[in-house]
Amino acid sequence: MDFKITKEEIPIWGRDRTYFFIPLHPILLNPNTKLDPKLANEVFPQVAKEWHEDLKDFLNSPKSGLDRQTEDFYRVFIKNRPPEVITRLGEQTLDSVMGWKDGVHTDERGFAYGLSISRNGGGTINYDPSKRDDSQWTIPLDGKPNMFFNIPIEKASELALDKQGKIKVYAPHNINHYPGALFLRNWGLAYVNAAMASI
């Protein structure tokens, strides 16, 4: 299916820049939609490369507005080279980033309802329909950007479940710094886009 969400359409916001919501197209949640359960793992290495470049660009941008201590902490993540993805015991791990790995939780249809880089040192995004407030959001259907979404009206209308703009989303959990938020936002988008392309 030809449907893609871009990084620019999903801003990372909040005081510490750790919040974002990734819309889930209704077809991904359809009980009849079958997906490759390894798809999120497959996009992980490419996400690692892009994340490194995106974080470098952010740190070199005058818009970052970071204090010196925070900037120095974030620079530890990028080092002098992109992280190498190493496969160990069936898990992909970033060699230079505090043990981040590709923790993927899928349902019986193959849909990845949870993506985690590290429970205590990076964070998780998940879709949990039992937590209505976290997994359900509203997207503006008038095409006007807000702090949560910058999605054109045509795409927003396709994502919406009703005329009020209700959508289902991946929500962040236990993300405590921008580098982790950036990685998870990018991984979630890469997975959703690859899943949509596979349908």
C-alpha atoms as a PDB file:
ATOM      1  CA  MET A   1       0.000   0.000   0.000  1.00  0.00           C
ATOM      2  CA  ASP A   2       1.395   3.388  -0.984  1.00  0.00           C
ATOM      3  CA  PHE A   3       1.287   5.329   2.290  1.00  0.00           C
ATOM      4  CA  LYS A   4       4.277   6.871   4.043  1.00  0.00           C
ATOM      5  CA  ILE A   5       4.736   9.134   7.071  1.00  0.00           C
ATOM      6  CA  THR A   6       7.855  11.311   7.213  1.00  0.00           C
ATOM      7  CA  LYS A   7      10.013  12.420  10.141  1.00  0.00           C
ATOM      8  CA  GLU A   8       8.992  16.016   9.509  1.00  0.00           C
ATOM      9  CA  GLU A   9       5.346  15.054  10.043  1.00  0.00           C
ATOM     10  CA  ILE A  10       6.018  13.639  13.529  1.00  0.00           C
ATOM     11  CA  PRO A  11       7.755  16.225  15.725  1.00  0.00           C
ATOM     12  CA  ILE A  12       9.470  15.316  18.975  1.00  0.00           C
ATOM     13  CA  TRP A  13       8.297  17.721  21.659  1.00  0.00           C
ATOM     14  CA  GLY A  14       8.204  18.383  25.383  1.00  0.00           C
ATOM     15  CA  ARG A  15      10.537  20.060  27.844  1.00  0.00           C
ATOM     16  CA  ASP A  16      13.172  17.341  27.382  1.00  0.00           C
ATOM     17  CA  ARG A  17      12.133  16.498  23.799  1.00  0.00           C
ATOM     18  CA  THR A  18      11.076  12.968  24.665  1.00  0.00           C
ATOM     19  CA  TYR A  19       7.439  12.866  23.495  1.00  0.00           C
ATOM     20  CA  PHE A  20       5.932  11.976  20.144  1.00  0.00           C
ATOM     21  CA  PHE A  21       3.081   9.890  18.780  1.00  0.00           C
ATOM     22  CA  ILE A  22       3.292   7.746  15.655  1.00  0.00           C
ATOM     23  CA  PRO A  23      -0.072   7.280  13.931  1.00  0.00           C
ATOM     24  CA  LEU A  24      -1.034   3.740  13.007  1.00  0.00           C
ATOM     25  CA  HIS A  25      -2.977   3.315   9.787  1.00  0.00           C
ATOM     26  CA  PRO A  26      -6.232   1.408  10.466  1.00  0.00           C
ATOM     27  CA  ILE A  27      -5.202  -1.346   8.052  1.00  0.00           C
ATOM     28  CA  LEU A  28      -2.242  -2.228  10.324  1.00  0.00           C
ATOM     29  CA  LEU A  29      -4.672  -2.954  13.165  1.00  0.00           C
ATOM     30  CA  ASN A  30      -7.165  -4.882  11.051  1.00  0.00           C
ATOM     31  CA  PRO A  31      -7.457  -8.471  12.392  1.00  0.00           C
ATOM     32  CA  ASN A  32      -7.153  -9.790   8.821  1.00  0.00           C
ATOM     33  CA  THR A  33      -3.866  -8.004   8.082  1.00  0.00           C
ATOM     34  CA  LYS A  34      -0.899 -10.372   8.322  1.00  0.00           C
ATOM     35  CA  LEU A  35       2.628  -8.944   8.608  1.00  0.00           C
ATOM     36  CA  ASP A  36       6.147 -10.344   8.679  1.00  0.00           C
ATOM     37  CA  PRO A  37       6.995 -10.629  12.409  1.00  0.00           C
ATOM     38  CA  LYS A  38      10.690  -9.892  11.653  1.00  0.00           C
ATOM     39  CA  LEU A  39      10.032  -6.660   9.736  1.00  0.00           C
ATOM     40  CA  ALA A  40      10.853  -4.321  12.655  1.00  0.00           C
ATOM     41  CA  ASN A  41      14.148  -6.188  13.200  1.00  0.00           C
ATOM     42  CA  GLU A  42      14.975  -5.895   9.492  1.00  0.00           C
ATOM     43  CA  VAL A  43      14.721  -2.088   9.418  1.00  0.00           C
ATOM     44  CA  PHE A  44      16.745  -1.665  12.656  1.00  0.00           C
ATOM     45  CA  PRO A  45      20.267  -1.445  11.066  1.00  0.00           C
ATOM     46  CA  GLN A  46      19.225   1.268   8.599  1.00  0.00           C
ATOM     47  CA  VAL A  47      17.514   3.198  11.396  1.00  0.00           C
ATOM     48  CA  ALA A  48      20.782   3.123  13.387  1.00  0.00           C
ATOM     49  CA  LYS A  49      22.685   4.782  10.516  1.00  0.00           C
ATOM     50  CA  GLU A  50      20.034   7.441   9.939  1.00  0.00           C
ATOM     51  CA  TRP A  51      19.713   8.115  13.683  1.00  0.00           C
ATOM     52  CA  HIS A  52      23.420   8.843  13.963  1.00  0.00           C
ATOM     53  CA  GLU A  53      23.218  11.417  11.143  1.00  0.00           C
ATOM     54  CA  ASP A  54      19.992  12.958  12.475  1.00  0.00           C
ATOM     55  CA  LEU A  55      21.474  13.343  15.966  1.00  0.00           C
ATOM     56  CA  LYS A  56      24.649  14.928  14.552  1.00  0.00           C
ATOM     57  CA  ASP A  57      22.537  17.364  12.519  1.00  0.00           C
ATOM     58  CA  PHE A  58      20.454  18.240  15.588  1.00  0.00           C
ATOM     59  CA  LEU A  59      23.526  18.893  17.751  1.00  0.00           C
ATOM     60  CA  ASN A  60      25.076  21.082  15.060  1.00  0.00           C
ATOM     61  CA  SER A  61      21.883  23.075  14.594  1.00  0.00           C
ATOM     62  CA  PRO A  62      21.533  26.481  16.253  1.00  0.00           C
ATOM     63  CA  LYS A  63      17.914  25.482  17.013  1.00  0.00           C
ATOM     64  CA  SER A  64      18.941  22.771  19.487  1.00  0.00           C
ATOM     65  CA  GLY A  65      19.124  25.313  22.340  1.00  0.00           C
ATOM     66  CA  LEU A  66      20.841  22.805  24.635  1.00  0.00           C
ATOM     67  CA  ASP A  67      22.853  23.787  27.670  1.00  0.00           C
ATOM     68  CA  ARG A  68      26.505  22.708  27.587  1.00  0.00           C
ATOM     69  CA  GLN A  69      26.114  19.764  29.977  1.00  0.00           C
ATOM     70  CA  THR A  70      23.185  18.278  28.017  1.00  0.00           C
ATOM     71  CA  GLU A  71      24.937  18.801  24.694  1.00  0.00           C
ATOM     72  CA  ASP A  72      28.073  17.061  25.993  1.00  0.00           C
ATOM     73  CA  PHE A  73      25.931  14.146  27.231  1.00  0.00           C
ATOM     74  CA  TYR A  74      24.201  13.823  23.827  1.00  0.00           C
ATOM     75  CA  ARG A  75      27.535  13.947  21.991  1.00  0.00           C
ATOM     76  CA  VAL A  76      28.581  10.785  23.844  1.00  0.00           C
ATOM     77  CA  PHE A  77      25.957   8.953  21.759  1.00  0.00           C
ATOM     78  CA  ILE A  78      27.406   9.896  18.387  1.00  0.00           C
ATOM     79  CA  LYS A  79      31.139   9.401  19.064  1.00  0.00           C
ATOM     80  CA  ASN A  80      33.229   9.528  15.877  1.00  0.00           C
ATOM     81  CA  ARG A  81      31.316   7.042  13.755  1.00  0.00           C
ATOM     82  CA  PRO A  82      27.874   5.571  13.255  1.00  0.00           C
ATOM     83  CA  PRO A  83      27.112   2.637  15.548  1.00  0.00           C
ATOM     84  CA  GLU A  84      27.736  -0.800  14.180  1.00  0.00           C
ATOM     85  CA  VAL A  85      24.918  -3.299  14.544  1.00  0.00           C
ATOM     86  CA  ILE A  86      26.163  -6.573  16.018  1.00  0.00           C
ATOM     87  CA  THR A  87      24.021  -9.707  16.184  1.00  0.00           C
ATOM     88  CA  ARG A  88      24.511 -11.625  19.405  1.00  0.00           C
ATOM     89  CA  LEU A  89      22.288 -14.409  20.735  1.00  0.00           C
ATOM     90  CA  GLY A  90      19.649 -13.572  18.136  1.00  0.00           C
ATOM     91  CA  GLU A  91      19.467  -9.880  19.089  1.00  0.00           C
ATOM     92  CA  GLN A  92      20.821  -6.909  17.212  1.00  0.00           C
ATOM     93  CA  THR A  93      22.776  -4.539  19.461  1.00  0.00           C
ATOM     94  CA  LEU A  94      24.351  -1.153  18.776  1.00  0.00           C
ATOM     95  CA  ASP A  95      28.026  -1.581  19.647  1.00  0.00           C
ATOM     96  CA  SER A  96      28.603   1.979  20.825  1.00  0.00           C
ATOM     97  CA  VAL A  97      25.313   2.934  22.476  1.00  0.00           C
ATOM     98  CA  MET A  98      24.867   1.616  26.022  1.00  0.00           C
ATOM     99  CA  GLY A  99      23.477  -1.769  25.041  1.00  0.00           C
ATOM    100  CA  TRP A 100      20.594  -0.590  22.889  1.00  0.00           C
ATOM    101  CA  LYS A 101      19.055  -3.555  21.124  1.00  0.00           C
ATOM    102  CA  ASP A 102      16.117  -4.409  18.916  1.00  0.00           C
ATOM    103  CA  GLY A 103      13.475  -5.516  21.390  1.00  0.00           C
ATOM    104  CA  VAL A 104      10.383  -6.283  19.313  1.00  0.00           C
ATOM    105  CA  HIS A 105       7.063  -7.624  20.589  1.00  0.00           C
ATOM    106  CA  THR A 106       4.601  -8.902  18.000  1.00  0.00           C
ATOM    107  CA  ASP A 107       1.078 -10.226  18.117  1.00  0.00           C
ATOM    108  CA  GLU A 108      -0.236 -13.364  16.401  1.00  0.00           C
ATOM    109  CA  ARG A 109      -0.704 -11.427  13.133  1.00  0.00           C
ATOM    110  CA  GLY A 110       2.953 -10.326  13.076  1.00  0.00           C
ATOM    111  CA  PHE A 111       2.182  -6.699  13.986  1.00  0.00           C
ATOM    112  CA  ALA A 112       4.897  -5.173  16.201  1.00  0.00           C
ATOM    113  CA  TYR A 113       2.914  -3.649  19.050  1.00  0.00           C
ATOM    114  CA  GLY A 114       6.070  -2.786  21.011  1.00  0.00           C
ATOM    115  CA  LEU A 115       9.531  -1.552  20.025  1.00  0.00           C
ATOM    116  CA  SER A 116      12.151  -1.177  22.750  1.00  0.00           C
ATOM    117  CA  ILE A 117      15.813  -0.213  22.633  1.00  0.00           C
ATOM    118  CA  SER A 118      16.412  -0.625  26.368  1.00  0.00           C
ATOM    119  CA  ARG A 119      13.892  -0.647  29.152  1.00  0.00           C
ATOM    120  CA  ASN A 120      16.051   1.402  31.504  1.00  0.00           C
ATOM    121  CA  GLY A 121      18.460   3.233  29.210  1.00  0.00           C
ATOM    122  CA  GLY A 122      16.567   4.201  26.090  1.00  0.00           C
ATOM    123  CA  GLY A 123      12.861   3.553  26.203  1.00  0.00           C
ATOM    124  CA  THR A 124       9.980   1.925  24.402  1.00  0.00           C
ATOM    125  CA  ILE A 125       7.105   2.784  22.110  1.00  0.00           C
ATOM    126  CA  ASN A 126       4.002   0.677  22.153  1.00  0.00           C
ATOM    127  CA  TYR A 127       0.445   0.303  21.047  1.00  0.00           C
ATOM    128  CA  ASP A 128      -1.718  -1.055  23.839  1.00  0.00           C
ATOM    129  CA  PRO A 129      -5.443  -0.965  23.105  1.00  0.00           C
ATOM    130  CA  SER A 130      -6.193  -1.709  26.763  1.00  0.00           C
ATOM    131  CA  LYS A 131      -4.711   1.691  27.681  1.00  0.00           C
ATOM    132  CA  ARG A 132      -7.163   3.843  25.795  1.00  0.00           C
ATOM    133  CA  ASP A 133      -5.612   7.168  26.787  1.00  0.00           C
ATOM    134  CA  ASP A 134      -2.116   6.238  25.645  1.00  0.00           C
ATOM    135  CA  SER A 135      -2.937   4.409  22.411  1.00  0.00           C
ATOM    136  CA  GLN A 136      -5.645   6.734  21.144  1.00  0.00           C
ATOM    137  CA  TRP A 137      -5.150  10.341  20.107  1.00  0.00           C
ATOM    138  CA  THR A 138      -6.780  12.980  17.951  1.00  0.00           C
ATOM    139  CA  ILE A 139      -5.233  14.338  14.784  1.00  0.00           C
ATOM    140  CA  PRO A 140      -6.286  17.677  13.297  1.00  0.00           C
ATOM    141  CA  LEU A 141      -8.285  17.092  10.130  1.00  0.00           C
ATOM    142  CA  ASP A 142      -8.016  20.705   8.976  1.00  0.00           C
ATOM    143  CA  GLY A 143      -4.403  20.343   7.767  1.00  0.00           C
ATOM    144  CA  LYS A 144      -3.075  22.752  10.410  1.00  0.00           C
ATOM    145  CA  PRO A 145       0.038  21.514  12.215  1.00  0.00           C
ATOM    146  CA  ASN A 146       0.079  21.297  16.000  1.00  0.00           C
ATOM    147  CA  MET A 147       2.712  20.212  18.500  1.00  0.00           C
ATOM    148  CA  PHE A 148       1.836  16.532  17.956  1.00  0.00           C
ATOM    149  CA  PHE A 149       1.472  16.207  14.197  1.00  0.00           C
ATOM    150  CA  ASN A 150       2.368  18.073  11.027  1.00  0.00           C
ATOM    151  CA  ILE A 151       0.485  15.768   8.681  1.00  0.00           C
ATOM    152  CA  PRO A 152      -1.220  17.001   5.494  1.00  0.00           C
ATOM    153  CA  ILE A 153      -5.019  16.787   5.487  1.00  0.00           C
ATOM    154  CA  GLU A 154      -5.163  13.964   2.915  1.00  0.00           C
ATOM    155  CA  LYS A 155      -2.995  11.687   5.041  1.00  0.00           C
ATOM    156  CA  ALA A 156      -4.708  12.720   8.282  1.00  0.00           C
ATOM    157  CA  SER A 157      -8.087  11.820   6.804  1.00  0.00           C
ATOM    158  CA  GLU A 158      -6.798   8.377   5.813  1.00  0.00           C
ATOM    159  CA  LEU A 159      -5.474   7.763   9.339  1.00  0.00           C
ATOM    160  CA  ALA A 160      -8.614   8.946  11.138  1.00  0.00           C
ATOM    161  CA  LEU A 161     -11.117   6.455  12.497  1.00  0.00           C
ATOM    162  CA  ASP A 162     -13.944   9.011  12.678  1.00  0.00           C
ATOM    163  CA  LYS A 163     -14.878  12.595  11.752  1.00  0.00           C
ATOM    164  CA  GLN A 164     -13.369  13.941  14.981  1.00  0.00           C
ATOM    165  CA  GLY A 165      -9.916  12.743  13.881  1.00  0.00           C
ATOM    166  CA  LYS A 166      -9.515   9.920  16.407  1.00  0.00           C
ATOM    167  CA  ILE A 167      -6.481   7.779  15.577  1.00  0.00           C
ATOM    168  CA  LYS A 168      -4.525   4.907  17.098  1.00  0.00           C
ATOM    169  CA  VAL A 169      -0.865   5.561  17.913  1.00  0.00           C
ATOM    170  CA  TYR A 170       2.401   4.221  19.188  1.00  0.00           C
ATOM    171  CA  ALA A 171       2.951   6.065  22.473  1.00  0.00           C
ATOM    172  CA  PRO A 172       6.299   6.581  24.229  1.00  0.00           C
ATOM    173  CA  HIS A 173       7.159   4.922  27.521  1.00  0.00           C
ATOM    174  CA  ASN A 174      10.159   5.474  29.800  1.00  0.00           C
ATOM    175  CA  ILE A 175      12.077   7.643  27.316  1.00  0.00           C
ATOM    176  CA  ASN A 176      14.279   9.989  29.286  1.00  0.00           C
ATOM    177  CA  HIS A 177      16.445  11.756  26.698  1.00  0.00           C
ATOM    178  CA  TYR A 178      16.302  13.082  23.163  1.00  0.00           C
ATOM    179  CA  PRO A 179      18.732  10.554  21.596  1.00  0.00           C
ATOM    180  CA  GLY A 180      16.437   7.698  22.706  1.00  0.00           C
ATOM    181  CA  ALA A 181      13.317   9.537  21.539  1.00  0.00           C
ATOM    182  CA  LEU A 182      14.908  10.249  18.163  1.00  0.00           C
ATOM    183  CA  PHE A 183      15.897   6.608  17.659  1.00  0.00           C
ATOM    184  CA  LEU A 184      12.476   5.274  18.654  1.00  0.00           C
ATOM    185  CA  ARG A 185      10.576   7.837  16.577  1.00  0.00           C
ATOM    186  CA  ASN A 186      12.714   6.949  13.549  1.00  0.00           C
ATOM    187  CA  TRP A 187      12.415   3.191  14.155  1.00  0.00           C
ATOM    188  CA  GLY A 188       8.654   3.398  14.616  1.00  0.00           C
ATOM    189  CA  LEU A 189       8.280   5.363  11.392  1.00  0.00           C
ATOM    190  CA  ALA A 190      10.572   3.009   9.468  1.00  0.00           C
ATOM    191  CA  TYR A 191       8.576   0.029  10.706  1.00  0.00           C
ATOM    192  CA  VAL A 192       5.167   1.549   9.977  1.00  0.00           C
ATOM    193  CA  ASN A 193       6.279   2.624   6.490  1.00  0.00           C
ATOM    194  CA  ALA A 194       7.788  -0.808   5.725  1.00  0.00           C
ATOM    195  CA  ALA A 195       4.656  -2.539   7.025  1.00  0.00           C
ATOM    196  CA  MET A 196       2.428  -0.342   4.864  1.00  0.00           C
ATOM    197  CA  ALA A 197       4.620  -0.998   1.815  1.00  0.00           C
ATOM    198  CA  SER A 198       4.298  -4.756   2.419  1.00  0.00           C
ATOM    199  CA  ILE A 199       0.496  -4.730   2.286  1.00  0.00           C
END
